[in-house]
Amino acid sequence: MSETCAVCHKGKGPTQCEVCGFTDNGVINREWPIEDDAKYWLETVVKPYKIQWEAKKREAELLSQIEEYRIKNMNILEQLSDSRKNEMNLQYQLEMSQKNEKNLLIELNRIQLEAKKRKKNS
C-alpha cells in the first residue's frame, strides 16, 4: 500500500507530491537535532505547508469568483448601456412626435381659419 501526500492526501508518497507540490526535503529520513521535532513532524513540517496550500486554493477560488462577478458586471453594464440608448431613442421619437403634433395643430388652425373666411365670403 502506497502512502499519500500528507498535505493534500491526493498525491502519491509522503515526501514529494505532484498535486500540491509539497516536499519535505528529506525530512522524514534525516537525523533530527532535536528528537522531539521528529515526533511532531506533522506539526512542524506539514501543517505550515498545508496552511499555505489551503490559502492558495482559497485565493484561486476567490479570484475565480471575482472574474465571474466582473463578467456579470460587464454584461449588466452592457445591458444598461443598451437600455440608455433605447431610452435616448424613445426620447428622440417622443420629441419628434410632439414637434409633429404642434405642426399638425398649426396646420389644422390654418385650415379652420381658411374655412371660416370662405364661409363668411360665401
PDB file of N, CA and C in Angstrom:
ATOM      1  N   MET A   1       0.838  -1.173   0.000  1.00  0.00           N
ATOM      2  CA  MET A   1       0.000   0.000   0.000  1.00  0.00           C
ATOM      3  C   MET A   1       0.888   1.244   0.000  1.00  0.00           C
ATOM      4  N   SER A   2       0.647   2.130  -0.944  1.00  0.00           N
ATOM      5  CA  SER A   2       1.483   3.329  -1.015  1.00  0.00           C
ATOM      6  C   SER A   2       0.880   4.446  -0.170  1.00  0.00           C
ATOM      7  N   GLU A   3       1.758   5.256   0.347  1.00  0.00           N
ATOM      8  CA  GLU A   3       1.308   6.374   1.176  1.00  0.00           C
ATOM      9  C   GLU A   3       0.853   7.525   0.283  1.00  0.00           C
ATOM     10  N   THR A   4       0.012   8.368   0.849  1.00  0.00           N
ATOM     11  CA  THR A   4      -0.440   9.553   0.114  1.00  0.00           C
ATOM     12  C   THR A   4       0.224  10.784   0.700  1.00  0.00           C
ATOM     13  N   CYS A   5       0.074  11.860   0.000  1.00  0.00           N
ATOM     14  CA  CYS A   5       0.661  13.126   0.435  1.00  0.00           C
ATOM     15  C   CYS A   5       0.076  13.527   1.785  1.00  0.00           C
ATOM     16  N   ALA A   6       0.929  14.023   2.654  1.00  0.00           N
ATOM     17  CA  ALA A   6       0.489  14.426   3.996  1.00  0.00           C
ATOM     18  C   ALA A   6      -0.314  15.723   3.968  1.00  0.00           C
ATOM     19  N   VAL A   7      -0.203  16.492   2.870  1.00  0.00           N
ATOM     20  CA  VAL A   7      -0.895  17.777   2.787  1.00  0.00           C
ATOM     21  C   VAL A   7      -2.250  17.634   2.099  1.00  0.00           C
ATOM     22  N   CYS A   8      -2.245  17.188   0.847  1.00  0.00           N
ATOM     23  CA  CYS A   8      -3.497  17.150   0.075  1.00  0.00           C
ATOM     24  C   CYS A   8      -4.160  15.783   0.080  1.00  0.00           C
ATOM     25  N   HIS A   9      -3.448  14.785   0.478  1.00  0.00           N
ATOM     26  CA  HIS A   9      -3.943  13.405   0.532  1.00  0.00           C
ATOM     27  C   HIS A   9      -4.368  12.879  -0.841  1.00  0.00           C
ATOM     28  N   LYS A  10      -3.868  13.493  -1.899  1.00  0.00           N
ATOM     29  CA  LYS A  10      -4.199  13.041  -3.258  1.00  0.00           C
ATOM     30  C   LYS A  10      -2.963  12.497  -3.965  1.00  0.00           C
ATOM     31  N   GLY A  11      -1.837  13.160  -3.783  1.00  0.00           N
ATOM     32  CA  GLY A  11      -0.616  12.735  -4.440  1.00  0.00           C
ATOM     33  C   GLY A  11      -0.050  11.470  -3.828  1.00  0.00           C
ATOM     34  N   LYS A  12       0.861  10.857  -4.549  1.00  0.00           N
ATOM     35  CA  LYS A  12       1.463   9.609  -4.073  1.00  0.00           C
ATOM     36  C   LYS A  12       2.738   9.911  -3.316  1.00  0.00           C
ATOM     37  N   GLY A  13       2.911   9.246  -2.212  1.00  0.00           N
ATOM     38  CA  GLY A  13       4.141   9.362  -1.434  1.00  0.00           C
ATOM     39  C   GLY A  13       4.096  10.520  -0.459  1.00  0.00           C
ATOM     40  N   PRO A  14       4.696  10.317   0.699  1.00  0.00           N
ATOM     41  CA  PRO A  14       4.663  11.358   1.733  1.00  0.00           C
ATOM     42  C   PRO A  14       5.741  12.419   1.573  1.00  0.00           C
ATOM     43  N   THR A  15       6.741  12.215   0.704  1.00  0.00           N
ATOM     44  CA  THR A  15       7.862  13.151   0.660  1.00  0.00           C
ATOM     45  C   THR A  15       7.804  14.146  -0.486  1.00  0.00           C
ATOM     46  N   GLN A  16       7.125  13.827  -1.578  1.00  0.00           N
ATOM     47  CA  GLN A  16       7.047  14.767  -2.687  1.00  0.00           C
ATOM     48  C   GLN A  16       5.733  14.539  -3.425  1.00  0.00           C
ATOM     49  N   CYS A  17       4.966  15.601  -3.620  1.00  0.00           N
ATOM     50  CA  CYS A  17       3.631  15.474  -4.206  1.00  0.00           C
ATOM     51  C   CYS A  17       3.565  16.198  -5.542  1.00  0.00           C
ATOM     52  N   GLU A  18       3.018  15.509  -6.550  1.00  0.00           N
ATOM     53  CA  GLU A  18       2.852  16.133  -7.863  1.00  0.00           C
ATOM     54  C   GLU A  18       1.568  16.957  -7.930  1.00  0.00           C
ATOM     55  N   VAL A  19       0.683  16.813  -6.954  1.00  0.00           N
ATOM     56  CA  VAL A  19      -0.584  17.555  -6.953  1.00  0.00           C
ATOM     57  C   VAL A  19      -0.417  18.928  -6.314  1.00  0.00           C
ATOM     58  N   CYS A  20       0.015  18.955  -5.065  1.00  0.00           N
ATOM     59  CA  CYS A  20       0.121  20.233  -4.348  1.00  0.00           C
ATOM     60  C   CYS A  20       1.543  20.787  -4.318  1.00  0.00           C
ATOM     61  N   GLY A  21       2.524  19.990  -4.675  1.00  0.00           N
ATOM     62  CA  GLY A  21       3.904  20.456  -4.717  1.00  0.00           C
ATOM     63  C   GLY A  21       4.658  20.330  -3.404  1.00  0.00           C
ATOM     64  N   PHE A  22       4.029  19.723  -2.403  1.00  0.00           N
ATOM     65  CA  PHE A  22       4.694  19.577  -1.099  1.00  0.00           C
ATOM     66  C   PHE A  22       5.906  18.666  -1.210  1.00  0.00           C
ATOM     67  N   THR A  23       6.975  19.103  -0.595  1.00  0.00           N
ATOM     68  CA  THR A  23       8.150  18.252  -0.432  1.00  0.00           C
ATOM     69  C   THR A  23       8.725  18.527   0.944  1.00  0.00           C
ATOM     70  N   ASP A  24       9.108  17.469   1.615  1.00  0.00           N
ATOM     71  CA  ASP A  24       9.675  17.679   2.953  1.00  0.00           C
ATOM     72  C   ASP A  24      11.194  17.741   2.898  1.00  0.00           C
ATOM     73  N   ASN A  25      11.737  17.748   1.702  1.00  0.00           N
ATOM     74  CA  ASN A  25      13.191  17.849   1.502  1.00  0.00           C
ATOM     75  C   ASN A  25      13.960  16.814   2.312  1.00  0.00           C
ATOM     76  N   GLY A  26      13.440  15.596   2.333  1.00  0.00           N
ATOM     77  CA  GLY A  26      14.143  14.505   3.008  1.00  0.00           C
ATOM     78  C   GLY A  26      14.038  14.532   4.514  1.00  0.00           C
ATOM     79  N   VAL A  27      13.105  15.284   5.040  1.00  0.00           N
ATOM     80  CA  VAL A  27      12.990  15.439   6.490  1.00  0.00           C
ATOM     81  C   VAL A  27      12.646  14.110   7.158  1.00  0.00           C
ATOM     82  N   ILE A  28      11.833  13.299   6.470  1.00  0.00           N
ATOM     83  CA  ILE A  28      11.406  12.043   7.089  1.00  0.00           C
ATOM     84  C   ILE A  28      12.604  11.147   7.412  1.00  0.00           C
ATOM     85  N   ASN A  29      13.540  11.087   6.508  1.00  0.00           N
ATOM     86  CA  ASN A  29      14.645  10.134   6.667  1.00  0.00           C
ATOM     87  C   ASN A  29      15.912  10.772   7.229  1.00  0.00           C
ATOM     88  N   ARG A  30      15.832  11.949   7.722  1.00  0.00           N
ATOM     89  CA  ARG A  30      17.061  12.575   8.211  1.00  0.00           C
ATOM     90  C   ARG A  30      17.190  12.449   9.721  1.00  0.00           C
ATOM     91  N   GLU A  31      18.336  12.837  10.193  1.00  0.00           N
ATOM     92  CA  GLU A  31      18.579  12.836  11.636  1.00  0.00           C
ATOM     93  C   GLU A  31      18.078  14.171  12.181  1.00  0.00           C
ATOM     94  N   TRP A  32      17.317  14.101  13.223  1.00  0.00           N
ATOM     95  CA  TRP A  32      16.754  15.311  13.826  1.00  0.00           C
ATOM     96  C   TRP A  32      17.653  15.759  14.967  1.00  0.00           C
ATOM     97  N   PRO A  33      18.102  17.017  14.941  1.00  0.00           N
ATOM     98  CA  PRO A  33      18.925  17.501  16.053  1.00  0.00           C
ATOM     99  C   PRO A  33      18.160  17.466  17.371  1.00  0.00           C
ATOM    100  N   ILE A  34      16.901  17.804  17.297  1.00  0.00           N
ATOM    101  CA  ILE A  34      16.058  17.737  18.483  1.00  0.00           C
ATOM    102  C   ILE A  34      15.093  16.576  18.253  1.00  0.00           C
ATOM    103  N   GLU A  35      15.228  15.570  19.046  1.00  0.00           N
ATOM    104  CA  GLU A  35      14.467  14.346  18.821  1.00  0.00           C
ATOM    105  C   GLU A  35      12.957  14.571  18.872  1.00  0.00           C
ATOM    106  N   ASP A  36      12.506  15.488  19.698  1.00  0.00           N
ATOM    107  CA  ASP A  36      11.070  15.756  19.790  1.00  0.00           C
ATOM    108  C   ASP A  36      10.497  16.300  18.474  1.00  0.00           C
ATOM    109  N   ASP A  37      11.338  16.991  17.695  1.00  0.00           N
ATOM    110  CA  ASP A  37      10.868  17.507  16.409  1.00  0.00           C
ATOM    111  C   ASP A  37      10.416  16.383  15.491  1.00  0.00           C
ATOM    112  N   ALA A  38      11.106  15.273  15.536  1.00  0.00           N
ATOM    113  CA  ALA A  38      10.734  14.129  14.700  1.00  0.00           C
ATOM    114  C   ALA A  38       9.364  13.605  15.089  1.00  0.00           C
ATOM    115  N   LYS A  39       9.040  13.670  16.350  1.00  0.00           N
ATOM    116  CA  LYS A  39       7.734  13.200  16.810  1.00  0.00           C
ATOM    117  C   LYS A  39       6.614  14.112  16.320  1.00  0.00           C
ATOM    118  N   TYR A  40       6.958  15.387  16.133  1.00  0.00           N
ATOM    119  CA  TYR A  40       5.952  16.367  15.726  1.00  0.00           C
ATOM    120  C   TYR A  40       6.132  16.799  14.271  1.00  0.00           C
ATOM    121  N   TRP A  41       6.520  15.846  13.443  1.00  0.00           N
ATOM    122  CA  TRP A  41       6.768  16.129  12.028  1.00  0.00           C
ATOM    123  C   TRP A  41       5.555  16.766  11.364  1.00  0.00           C
ATOM    124  N   LEU A  42       4.374  16.246  11.641  1.00  0.00           N
ATOM    125  CA  LEU A  42       3.163  16.821  11.034  1.00  0.00           C
ATOM    126  C   LEU A  42       2.977  18.280  11.449  1.00  0.00           C
ATOM    127  N   GLU A  43       3.252  18.579  12.693  1.00  0.00           N
ATOM    128  CA  GLU A  43       3.066  19.943  13.188  1.00  0.00           C
ATOM    129  C   GLU A  43       4.145  20.902  12.681  1.00  0.00           C
ATOM    130  N   THR A  44       5.388  20.423  12.632  1.00  0.00           N
ATOM    131  CA  THR A  44       6.493  21.323  12.291  1.00  0.00           C
ATOM    132  C   THR A  44       6.744  21.452  10.804  1.00  0.00           C
ATOM    133  N   VAL A  45       6.425  20.420  10.024  1.00  0.00           N
ATOM    134  CA  VAL A  45       6.729  20.436   8.590  1.00  0.00           C
ATOM    135  C   VAL A  45       5.467  20.526   7.742  1.00  0.00           C
ATOM    136  N   VAL A  46       4.525  19.650   8.003  1.00  0.00           N
ATOM    137  CA  VAL A  46       3.350  19.538   7.131  1.00  0.00           C
ATOM    138  C   VAL A  46       2.348  20.659   7.373  1.00  0.00           C
ATOM    139  N   LYS A  47       2.050  20.936   8.615  1.00  0.00           N
ATOM    140  CA  LYS A  47       0.983  21.892   8.919  1.00  0.00           C
ATOM    141  C   LYS A  47       1.231  23.283   8.319  1.00  0.00           C
ATOM    142  N   PRO A  48       2.432  23.856   8.450  1.00  0.00           N
ATOM    143  CA  PRO A  48       2.648  25.181   7.840  1.00  0.00           C
ATOM    144  C   PRO A  48       2.462  25.154   6.320  1.00  0.00           C
ATOM    145  N   TYR A  49       2.956  24.089   5.683  1.00  0.00           N
ATOM    146  CA  TYR A  49       2.795  23.988   4.232  1.00  0.00           C
ATOM    147  C   TYR A  49       1.327  23.812   3.873  1.00  0.00           C
ATOM    148  N   LYS A  50       0.616  23.009   4.647  1.00  0.00           N
ATOM    149  CA  LYS A  50      -0.796  22.763   4.378  1.00  0.00           C
ATOM    150  C   LYS A  50      -1.592  24.060   4.493  1.00  0.00           C
ATOM    151  N   ILE A  51      -1.268  24.870   5.466  1.00  0.00           N
ATOM    152  CA  ILE A  51      -1.950  26.159   5.628  1.00  0.00           C
ATOM    153  C   ILE A  51      -1.716  27.031   4.405  1.00  0.00           C
ATOM    154  N   GLN A  52      -0.474  27.080   3.930  1.00  0.00           N
ATOM    155  CA  GLN A  52      -0.173  27.859   2.726  1.00  0.00           C
ATOM    156  C   GLN A  52      -0.908  27.304   1.515  1.00  0.00           C
ATOM    157  N   TRP A  53      -0.923  25.984   1.379  1.00  0.00           N
ATOM    158  CA  TRP A  53      -1.576  25.356   0.244  1.00  0.00           C
ATOM    159  C   TRP A  53      -3.080  25.638   0.254  1.00  0.00           C
ATOM    160  N   GLU A  54      -3.711  25.524   1.417  1.00  0.00           N
ATOM    161  CA  GLU A  54      -5.143  25.820   1.544  1.00  0.00           C
ATOM    162  C   GLU A  54      -5.408  27.291   1.216  1.00  0.00           C
ATOM    163  N   ALA A  55      -4.513  28.166   1.664  1.00  0.00           N
ATOM    164  CA  ALA A  55      -4.675  29.596   1.381  1.00  0.00           C
ATOM    165  C   ALA A  55      -4.582  29.860  -0.119  1.00  0.00           C
ATOM    166  N   LYS A  56      -3.647  29.185  -0.792  1.00  0.00           N
ATOM    167  CA  LYS A  56      -3.511  29.360  -2.243  1.00  0.00           C
ATOM    168  C   LYS A  56      -4.740  28.836  -2.972  1.00  0.00           C
ATOM    169  N   LYS A  57      -5.278  27.704  -2.522  1.00  0.00           N
ATOM    170  CA  LYS A  57      -6.503  27.163  -3.125  1.00  0.00           C
ATOM    171  C   LYS A  57      -7.647  28.156  -2.951  1.00  0.00           C
ATOM    172  N   ARG A  58      -7.786  28.702  -1.741  1.00  0.00           N
ATOM    173  CA  ARG A  58      -8.869  29.662  -1.464  1.00  0.00           C
ATOM    174  C   ARG A  58      -8.694  30.924  -2.292  1.00  0.00           C
ATOM    175  N   GLU A  59      -7.435  31.369  -2.420  1.00  0.00           N
ATOM    176  CA  GLU A  59      -7.158  32.549  -3.236  1.00  0.00           C
ATOM    177  C   GLU A  59      -7.558  32.311  -4.688  1.00  0.00           C
ATOM    178  N   ALA A  60      -7.239  31.124  -5.202  1.00  0.00           N
ATOM    179  CA  ALA A  60      -7.622  30.799  -6.581  1.00  0.00           C
ATOM    180  C   ALA A  60      -9.141  30.765  -6.736  1.00  0.00           C
ATOM    181  N   GLU A  61      -9.839  30.216  -5.737  1.00  0.00           N
ATOM    182  CA  GLU A  61     -11.305  30.197  -5.786  1.00  0.00           C
ATOM    183  C   GLU A  61     -11.864  31.618  -5.785  1.00  0.00           C
ATOM    184  N   LEU A  62     -11.311  32.459  -4.918  1.00  0.00           N
ATOM    185  CA  LEU A  62     -11.794  33.837  -4.827  1.00  0.00           C
ATOM    186  C   LEU A  62     -11.508  34.615  -6.110  1.00  0.00           C
ATOM    187  N   LEU A  63     -10.335  34.390  -6.690  1.00  0.00           N
ATOM    188  CA  LEU A  63     -10.017  35.053  -7.957  1.00  0.00           C
ATOM    189  C   LEU A  63     -10.977  34.609  -9.057  1.00  0.00           C
ATOM    190  N   SER A  64     -11.334  33.333  -9.038  1.00  0.00           N
ATOM    191  CA  SER A  64     -12.298  32.823  -9.997  1.00  0.00           C
ATOM    192  C   SER A  64     -13.662  33.481  -9.803  1.00  0.00           C
ATOM    193  N   GLN A  65     -14.080  33.614  -8.552  1.00  0.00           N
ATOM    194  CA  GLN A  65     -15.356  34.272  -8.262  1.00  0.00           C
ATOM    195  C   GLN A  65     -15.325  35.738  -8.674  1.00  0.00           C
ATOM    196  N   ILE A  66     -14.206  36.397  -8.405  1.00  0.00           N
ATOM    197  CA  ILE A  66     -14.059  37.802  -8.801  1.00  0.00           C
ATOM    198  C   ILE A  66     -14.193  37.935 -10.309  1.00  0.00           C
ATOM    199  N   GLU A  67     -13.575  37.026 -11.043  1.00  0.00           N
ATOM    200  CA  GLU A  67     -13.662  37.064 -12.510  1.00  0.00           C
ATOM    201  C   GLU A  67     -15.104  36.849 -12.972  1.00  0.00           C
ATOM    202  N   GLU A  68     -15.807  35.906 -12.320  1.00  0.00           N
ATOM    203  CA  GLU A  68     -17.215  35.676 -12.661  1.00  0.00           C
ATOM    204  C   GLU A  68     -18.037  36.939 -12.427  1.00  0.00           C
ATOM    205  N   TYR A  69     -17.835  37.588 -11.271  1.00  0.00           N
ATOM    206  CA  TYR A  69     -18.575  38.809 -10.958  1.00  0.00           C
ATOM    207  C   TYR A  69     -18.206  39.935 -11.922  1.00  0.00           C
ATOM    208  N   ARG A  70     -16.950  39.991 -12.311  1.00  0.00           N
ATOM    209  CA  ARG A  70     -16.526  41.026 -13.264  1.00  0.00           C
ATOM    210  C   ARG A  70     -17.246  40.835 -14.593  1.00  0.00           C
ATOM    211  N   ILE A  71     -17.324  39.590 -15.042  1.00  0.00           N
ATOM    212  CA  ILE A  71     -18.021  39.299 -16.305  1.00  0.00           C
ATOM    213  C   ILE A  71     -19.507  39.635 -16.183  1.00  0.00           C
ATOM    214  N   LYS A  72     -20.117  39.252 -15.045  1.00  0.00           N
ATOM    215  CA  LYS A  72     -21.532  39.590 -14.827  1.00  0.00           C
ATOM    216  C   LYS A  72     -21.729  41.101 -14.830  1.00  0.00           C
ATOM    217  N   ASN A  73     -20.831  41.824 -14.161  1.00  0.00           N
ATOM    218  CA  ASN A  73     -20.932  43.283 -14.125  1.00  0.00           C
ATOM    219  C   ASN A  73     -20.800  43.888 -15.510  1.00  0.00           C
ATOM    220  N   MET A  74     -19.886  43.339 -16.305  1.00  0.00           N
ATOM    221  CA  MET A  74     -19.726  43.836 -17.675  1.00  0.00           C
ATOM    222  C   MET A  74     -21.009  43.618 -18.477  1.00  0.00           C
ATOM    223  N   ASN A  75     -21.626  42.447 -18.300  1.00  0.00           N
ATOM    224  CA  ASN A  75     -22.881  42.167 -19.003  1.00  0.00           C
ATOM    225  C   ASN A  75     -23.982  43.124 -18.559  1.00  0.00           C
ATOM    226  N   ILE A  76     -24.051  43.379 -17.258  1.00  0.00           N
ATOM    227  CA  ILE A  76     -25.051  44.313 -16.742  1.00  0.00           C
ATOM    228  C   ILE A  76     -24.800  45.715 -17.280  1.00  0.00           C
ATOM    229  N   LEU A  77     -23.539  46.129 -17.327  1.00  0.00           N
ATOM    230  CA  LEU A  77     -23.207  47.448 -17.867  1.00  0.00           C
ATOM    231  C   LEU A  77     -23.578  47.549 -19.340  1.00  0.00           C
ATOM    232  N   GLU A  78     -23.363  46.470 -20.093  1.00  0.00           N
ATOM    233  CA  GLU A  78     -23.755  46.471 -21.499  1.00  0.00           C
ATOM    234  C   GLU A  78     -25.269  46.601 -21.638  1.00  0.00           C
ATOM    235  N   GLN A  79     -26.002  45.860 -20.799  1.00  0.00           N
ATOM    236  CA  GLN A  79     -27.459  45.949 -20.828  1.00  0.00           C
ATOM    237  C   GLN A  79     -27.920  47.356 -20.457  1.00  0.00           C
ATOM    238  N   LEU A  80     -27.270  47.935 -19.450  1.00  0.00           N
ATOM    239  CA  LEU A  80     -27.611  49.297 -19.039  1.00  0.00           C
ATOM    240  C   LEU A  80     -27.335  50.282 -20.163  1.00  0.00           C
ATOM    241  N   SER A  81     -26.212  50.102 -20.819  1.00  0.00           N
ATOM    242  CA  SER A  81     -25.869  50.970 -21.950  1.00  0.00           C
ATOM    243  C   SER A  81     -26.905  50.832 -23.060  1.00  0.00           C
ATOM    244  N   ASP A  82     -27.296  49.594 -23.365  1.00  0.00           N
ATOM    245  CA  ASP A  82     -28.331  49.374 -24.380  1.00  0.00           C
ATOM    246  C   ASP A  82     -29.647  50.013 -23.961  1.00  0.00           C
ATOM    247  N   SER A  83     -29.992  49.884 -22.685  1.00  0.00           N
ATOM    248  CA  SER A  83     -31.231  50.489 -22.186  1.00  0.00           C
ATOM    249  C   SER A  83     -31.184  52.003 -22.313  1.00  0.00           C
ATOM    250  N   ARG A  84     -30.045  52.579 -21.997  1.00  0.00           N
ATOM    251  CA  ARG A  84     -29.905  54.047 -22.125  1.00  0.00           C
ATOM    252  C   ARG A  84     -30.009  54.476 -23.580  1.00  0.00           C
ATOM    253  N   LYS A  85     -29.423  53.692 -24.473  1.00  0.00           N
ATOM    254  CA  LYS A  85     -29.546  54.015 -25.902  1.00  0.00           C
ATOM    255  C   LYS A  85     -31.003  53.943 -26.329  1.00  0.00           C
ATOM    256  N   ASN A  86     -31.703  52.893 -25.881  1.00  0.00           N
ATOM    257  CA  ASN A  86     -33.121  52.769 -26.216  1.00  0.00           C
ATOM    258  C   ASN A  86     -33.919  53.929 -25.622  1.00  0.00           C
ATOM    259  N   GLU A  87     -33.584  54.308 -24.399  1.00  0.00           N
ATOM    260  CA  GLU A  87     -34.267  55.429 -23.761  1.00  0.00           C
ATOM    261  C   GLU A  87     -34.038  56.717 -24.544  1.00  0.00           C
ATOM    262  N   MET A  88     -32.795  56.923 -24.973  1.00  0.00           N
ATOM    263  CA  MET A  88     -32.491  58.124 -25.757  1.00  0.00           C
ATOM    264  C   MET A  88     -33.239  58.097 -27.084  1.00  0.00           C
ATOM    265  N   ASN A  89     -33.320  56.932 -27.694  1.00  0.00           N
ATOM    266  CA  ASN A  89     -34.039  56.787 -28.953  1.00  0.00           C
ATOM    267  C   ASN A  89     -35.526  57.086 -28.754  1.00  0.00           C
ATOM    268  N   LEU A  90     -36.100  56.547 -27.681  1.00  0.00           N
ATOM    269  CA  LEU A  90     -37.507  56.805 -27.387  1.00  0.00           C
ATOM    270  C   LEU A  90     -37.741  58.277 -27.076  1.00  0.00           C
ATOM    271  N   GLN A  91     -36.811  58.897 -26.370  1.00  0.00           N
ATOM    272  CA  GLN A  91     -36.922  60.328 -26.064  1.00  0.00           C
ATOM    273  C   GLN A  91     -36.908  61.137 -27.356  1.00  0.00           C
ATOM    274  N   TYR A  92     -36.031  60.777 -28.273  1.00  0.00           N
ATOM    275  CA  TYR A  92     -35.957  61.470 -29.564  1.00  0.00           C
ATOM    276  C   TYR A  92     -37.269  61.289 -30.329  1.00  0.00           C
ATOM    277  N   GLN A  93     -37.788  60.053 -30.342  1.00  0.00           N
ATOM    278  CA  GLN A  93     -39.051  59.802 -31.041  1.00  0.00           C
ATOM    279  C   GLN A  93     -40.192  60.597 -30.407  1.00  0.00           C
ATOM    280  N   LEU A  94     -40.201  60.692 -29.093  1.00  0.00           N
ATOM    281  CA  LEU A  94     -41.225  61.469 -28.395  1.00  0.00           C
ATOM    282  C   LEU A  94     -41.132  62.945 -28.775  1.00  0.00           C
ATOM    283  N   GLU A  95     -39.922  63.478 -28.782  1.00  0.00           N
ATOM    284  CA  GLU A  95     -39.728  64.877 -29.166  1.00  0.00           C
ATOM    285  C   GLU A  95     -40.188  65.128 -30.597  1.00  0.00           C
ATOM    286  N   MET A  96     -39.872  64.193 -31.491  1.00  0.00           N
ATOM    287  CA  MET A  96     -40.299  64.344 -32.886  1.00  0.00           C
ATOM    288  C   MET A  96     -41.825  64.265 -32.998  1.00  0.00           C
ATOM    289  N   SER A  97     -42.447  63.383 -32.213  1.00  0.00           N
ATOM    290  CA  SER A  97     -43.912  63.268 -32.221  1.00  0.00           C
ATOM    291  C   SER A  97     -44.552  64.554 -31.719  1.00  0.00           C
ATOM    292  N   GLN A  98     -43.986  65.126 -30.661  1.00  0.00           N
ATOM    293  CA  GLN A  98     -44.517  66.386 -30.129  1.00  0.00           C
ATOM    294  C   GLN A  98     -44.354  67.514 -31.141  1.00  0.00           C
ATOM    295  N   LYS A  99     -43.227  67.523 -31.823  1.00  0.00           N
ATOM    296  CA  LYS A  99     -42.985  68.537 -32.848  1.00  0.00           C
ATOM    297  C   LYS A  99     -43.983  68.373 -33.989  1.00  0.00           C
ATOM    298  N   ASN A 100     -44.194  67.126 -34.419  1.00  0.00           N
ATOM    299  CA  ASN A 100     -45.168  66.862 -35.492  1.00  0.00           C
ATOM    300  C   ASN A 100     -46.578  67.243 -35.048  1.00  0.00           C
ATOM    301  N   GLU A 101     -46.895  66.961 -33.787  1.00  0.00           N
ATOM    302  CA  GLU A 101     -48.217  67.312 -33.262  1.00  0.00           C
ATOM    303  C   GLU A 101     -48.423  68.827 -33.309  1.00  0.00           C
ATOM    304  N   LYS A 102     -47.411  69.578 -32.900  1.00  0.00           N
ATOM    305  CA  LYS A 102     -47.502  71.051 -32.958  1.00  0.00           C
ATOM    306  C   LYS A 102     -47.696  71.523 -34.389  1.00  0.00           C
ATOM    307  N   ASN A 103     -46.927  70.943 -35.309  1.00  0.00           N
ATOM    308  CA  ASN A 103     -47.054  71.325 -36.718  1.00  0.00           C
ATOM    309  C   ASN A 103     -48.450  71.001 -37.247  1.00  0.00           C
ATOM    310  N   LEU A 104     -49.002  69.843 -36.863  1.00  0.00           N
ATOM    311  CA  LEU A 104     -50.342  69.456 -37.297  1.00  0.00           C
ATOM    312  C   LEU A 104     -51.402  70.389 -36.709  1.00  0.00           C
ATOM    313  N   LEU A 105     -51.224  70.784 -35.440  1.00  0.00           N
ATOM    314  CA  LEU A 105     -52.163  71.723 -34.821  1.00  0.00           C
ATOM    315  C   LEU A 105     -52.126  73.075 -35.516  1.00  0.00           C
ATOM    316  N   ILE A 106     -50.942  73.526 -35.843  1.00  0.00           N
ATOM    317  CA  ILE A 106     -50.805  74.799 -36.573  1.00  0.00           C
ATOM    318  C   ILE A 106     -51.487  74.696 -37.930  1.00  0.00           C
ATOM    319  N   GLU A 107     -51.250  73.587 -38.622  1.00  0.00           N
ATOM    320  CA  GLU A 107     -51.879  73.372 -39.937  1.00  0.00           C
ATOM    321  C   GLU A 107     -53.400  73.282 -39.803  1.00  0.00           C
ATOM    322  N   LEU A 108     -53.892  72.600 -38.775  1.00  0.00           N
ATOM    323  CA  LEU A 108     -55.337  72.473 -38.539  1.00  0.00           C
ATOM    324  C   LEU A 108     -55.951  73.846 -38.272  1.00  0.00           C
ATOM    325  N   ASN A 109     -55.305  74.648 -37.439  1.00  0.00           N
ATOM    326  CA  ASN A 109     -55.793  76.009 -37.170  1.00  0.00           C
ATOM    327  C   ASN A 109     -55.824  76.844 -38.439  1.00  0.00           C
ATOM    328  N   ARG A 110     -54.828  76.724 -39.266  1.00  0.00           N
ATOM    329  CA  ARG A 110     -54.778  77.467 -40.527  1.00  0.00           C
ATOM    330  C   ARG A 110     -55.935  77.063 -41.433  1.00  0.00           C
ATOM    331  N   ILE A 111     -56.175  75.753 -41.501  1.00  0.00           N
ATOM    332  CA  ILE A 111     -57.270  75.249 -42.342  1.00  0.00           C
ATOM    333  C   ILE A 111     -58.619  75.730 -41.797  1.00  0.00           C
ATOM    334  N   GLN A 112     -58.772  75.694 -40.459  1.00  0.00           N
ATOM    335  CA  GLN A 112     -60.027  76.153 -39.866  1.00  0.00           C
ATOM    336  C   GLN A 112     -60.243  77.638 -40.124  1.00  0.00           C
ATOM    337  N   LEU A 113     -59.184  78.445 -40.042  1.00  0.00           N
ATOM    338  CA  LEU A 113     -59.301  79.879 -40.329  1.00  0.00           C
ATOM    339  C   LEU A 113     -59.689  80.106 -41.784  1.00  0.00           C
ATOM    340  N   GLU A 114     -59.072  79.364 -42.678  1.00  0.00           N
ATOM    341  CA  GLU A 114     -59.416  79.496 -44.104  1.00  0.00           C
ATOM    342  C   GLU A 114     -60.868  79.102 -44.348  1.00  0.00           C
ATOM    343  N   ALA A 115     -61.320  78.044 -43.659  1.00  0.00           N
ATOM    344  CA  ALA A 115     -62.707  77.593 -43.815  1.00  0.00           C
ATOM    345  C   ALA A 115     -63.668  78.672 -43.318  1.00  0.00           C
ATOM    346  N   LYS A 116     -63.361  79.314 -42.185  1.00  0.00           N
ATOM    347  CA  LYS A 116     -64.218  80.386 -41.665  1.00  0.00           C
ATOM    348  C   LYS A 116     -64.260  81.562 -42.627  1.00  0.00           C
ATOM    349  N   LYS A 117     -63.087  81.910 -43.208  1.00  0.00           N
ATOM    350  CA  LYS A 117     -63.038  83.020 -44.165  1.00  0.00           C
ATOM    351  C   LYS A 117     -63.895  82.695 -45.379  1.00  0.00           C
ATOM    352  N   ARG A 118     -63.830  81.478 -45.871  1.00  0.00           N
ATOM    353  CA  ARG A 118     -64.620  81.085 -47.047  1.00  0.00           C
ATOM    354  C   ARG A 118     -66.120  81.113 -46.723  1.00  0.00           C
ATOM    355  N   LYS A 119     -66.436  80.706 -45.519  1.00  0.00           N
ATOM    356  CA  LYS A 119     -67.836  80.669 -45.094  1.00  0.00           C
ATOM    357  C   LYS A 119     -68.400  82.097 -45.057  1.00  0.00           C
ATOM    358  N   LYS A 120     -67.582  83.050 -44.538  1.00  0.00           N
ATOM    359  CA  LYS A 120     -68.012  84.423 -44.478  1.00  0.00           C
ATOM    360  C   LYS A 120     -68.158  84.999 -45.895  1.00  0.00           C
ATOM    361  N   ASN A 121     -67.259  84.645 -46.763  1.00  0.00           N
ATOM    362  CA  ASN A 121     -67.277  85.185 -48.124  1.00  0.00           C
ATOM    363  C   ASN A 121     -68.396  84.556 -48.952  1.00  0.00           C
ATOM    364  N   SER A 122     -68.904  83.431 -48.616  1.00  0.00           N
ATOM    365  CA  SER A 122     -69.925  82.815 -49.449  1.00  0.00           C
ATOM    366  C   SER A 122     -71.294  83.198 -49.077  1.00  0.00           C
TER     367      SER A 122
END
